[in-house]
Amino acid sequence: YPISIKERLMKIGEFAQACGISTRMLRFYETLNLIAPKRGANGYREYDAADIEMVQKIVLLNKAGVALKDLALMRDCLRDKPQDFCDALRGRLCARLNAIDEQMEDLRQSRALLSDLLKR
């Protein structure tokens, strides 16, 4: 992200666009207490660079198969700097990594079979 985005507060629409997700999803993250944006005097949500990092972690971990409800339970671990995952989150991440490795191996085998079949 450009430095100008990281150096100032953003309202929800601009922030959602910067993160590549919908405002609806941001509000959902907020209901799960995954993020807690500051509120301006007018009551509008205001997001900063730390919020961008948090949303990026949430999105990537969720895409990797870690449930949002699990991330919500362990959100403090996600905020640690340097990243120092608590044991509970580390265990879930290791389990997910193993599952991804297994899926990749299954896909490699499927690809090899398909390739062999198409050669005939």
Protein backbone atom coordinates (compact mmCIF):
# COMPACT_ATOMS: atom_id res chain seq x y z
CA TYR A 1 0.00 0.00 0.00
CA PRO A 2 1.19 3.52 -0.67
CA ILE A 3 2.72 5.30 2.31
CA SER A 4 -0.01 7.97 2.20
CA ILE A 5 -2.64 5.34 3.05
CA LYS A 6 -0.65 4.05 6.02
CA GLU A 7 0.00 7.50 7.44
CA ARG A 8 -3.59 8.66 7.83
CA LEU A 9 -6.95 7.52 9.07
CA MET A 10 -9.45 6.20 6.55
CA LYS A 11 -13.20 5.81 6.61
CA ILE A 12 -14.70 2.38 6.01
CA GLY A 13 -15.24 2.65 2.23
CA GLU A 14 -11.69 3.75 1.48
CA PHE A 15 -10.29 1.22 3.93
CA ALA A 16 -12.30 -1.65 2.42
CA GLN A 17 -11.03 -0.71 -1.03
CA ALA A 18 -7.43 -0.53 0.24
CA CYS A 19 -7.81 -4.02 1.78
CA GLY A 20 -9.64 -5.50 -1.20
CA ILE A 21 -12.66 -6.61 0.80
CA SER A 22 -16.22 -5.36 1.21
CA THR A 23 -17.46 -2.94 3.84
CA ARG A 24 -19.93 -5.64 4.81
CA MET A 25 -17.08 -8.04 5.58
CA LEU A 26 -15.30 -5.35 7.63
CA ARG A 27 -18.45 -4.85 9.68
CA PHE A 28 -18.68 -8.61 10.16
CA TYR A 29 -15.07 -8.71 11.38
CA GLU A 30 -16.02 -5.98 13.83
CA THR A 31 -19.00 -7.97 15.16
CA LEU A 32 -16.60 -10.87 15.80
CA ASN A 33 -14.25 -8.44 17.60
CA LEU A 34 -11.47 -9.24 15.14
CA ILE A 35 -10.99 -5.52 14.55
CA ALA A 36 -11.96 -2.51 16.62
CA PRO A 37 -11.60 0.68 14.59
CA LYS A 38 -11.41 4.03 16.28
CA ARG A 39 -14.49 6.22 16.08
CA GLY A 40 -14.35 9.86 15.06
CA ALA A 41 -16.29 12.63 16.77
CA ASN A 42 -19.01 12.05 14.18
CA GLY A 43 -19.20 8.34 15.07
CA TYR A 44 -17.67 7.17 11.79
CA ARG A 45 -15.19 4.33 11.86
CA GLU A 46 -11.58 5.37 11.28
CA TYR A 47 -8.94 2.82 10.27
CA ASP A 48 -5.15 3.08 10.33
CA ALA A 49 -2.07 1.09 9.24
CA ALA A 50 -2.33 -1.37 12.14
CA ASP A 51 -5.87 -2.17 11.03
CA ILE A 52 -4.62 -2.89 7.49
CA GLU A 53 -2.09 -5.40 8.83
CA MET A 54 -4.73 -7.07 10.97
CA VAL A 55 -7.21 -7.40 8.11
CA GLN A 56 -4.50 -8.80 5.84
CA LYS A 57 -3.69 -11.48 8.44
CA ILE A 58 -7.36 -12.29 8.93
CA VAL A 59 -8.01 -12.64 5.21
CA LEU A 60 -4.93 -14.78 4.57
CA LEU A 61 -5.49 -17.07 7.54
CA ASN A 62 -9.15 -17.47 6.67
CA LYS A 63 -8.26 -18.32 3.06
CA ALA A 64 -5.84 -20.90 4.46
CA GLY A 65 -8.75 -22.55 6.24
CA VAL A 66 -8.58 -21.07 9.75
CA ALA A 67 -12.17 -20.32 10.80
CA LEU A 68 -13.05 -16.74 11.68
CA LYS A 69 -14.48 -17.88 15.00
CA ASP A 70 -11.08 -19.40 15.86
CA LEU A 71 -9.30 -16.23 14.82
CA ALA A 72 -11.68 -14.20 16.96
CA LEU A 73 -10.82 -16.30 20.00
CA MET A 74 -7.13 -15.75 19.38
CA ARG A 75 -7.11 -12.19 18.04
CA ASP A 76 -4.62 -10.97 20.65
CA CYS A 77 -2.08 -13.44 19.26
CA LEU A 78 -2.55 -11.88 15.83
CA ARG A 79 -1.70 -8.44 17.20
CA ASP A 80 1.65 -9.50 18.73
CA LYS A 81 4.74 -7.80 17.36
CA PRO A 82 6.97 -9.44 16.48
CA GLN A 83 4.56 -12.19 15.58
CA ASP A 84 4.55 -14.44 18.62
CA PHE A 85 1.60 -16.77 18.23
CA CYS A 86 0.14 -18.18 21.40
CA ASP A 87 0.25 -21.98 21.70
CA ALA A 88 -3.42 -22.38 20.80
CA LEU A 89 -3.10 -20.47 17.53
CA ARG A 90 0.26 -22.03 16.73
CA GLY A 91 -1.31 -25.49 17.08
CA ARG A 92 -4.22 -24.60 14.80
CA LEU A 93 -1.87 -23.08 12.23
CA CYS A 94 0.37 -26.17 12.27
CA ALA A 95 -2.65 -28.43 11.81
CA ARG A 96 -3.87 -26.30 8.92
CA LEU A 97 -0.40 -26.33 7.33
CA ASN A 98 -0.33 -30.12 7.53
CA ALA A 99 -3.79 -30.32 5.96
CA ILE A 100 -2.66 -28.04 3.10
CA ASP A 101 0.42 -30.23 2.54
CA GLU A 102 -1.84 -33.29 2.34
CA GLN A 103 -4.14 -31.54 -0.12
CA MET A 104 -1.17 -30.57 -2.27
CA GLU A 105 0.05 -34.15 -2.34
CA ASP A 106 -3.42 -35.38 -3.29
CA LEU A 107 -3.53 -32.79 -6.08
CA ARG A 108 -0.08 -33.83 -7.33
CA GLN A 109 -1.24 -37.44 -7.51
CA SER A 110 -4.47 -36.45 -9.27
CA ARG A 111 -2.54 -34.34 -11.74
CA ALA A 112 -0.14 -37.17 -12.48
CA LEU A 113 -3.03 -39.57 -13.06
CA LEU A 114 -4.80 -37.15 -15.38
CA SER A 115 -1.61 -36.51 -17.26
CA ASP A 116 -1.03 -40.26 -17.72
CA LEU A 117 -4.61 -40.78 -18.88
CA LEU A 118 -4.35 -37.99 -21.44
CA LYS A 119 -1.13 -39.41 -22.88
CA ARG A 120 -2.88 -42.61 -23.91
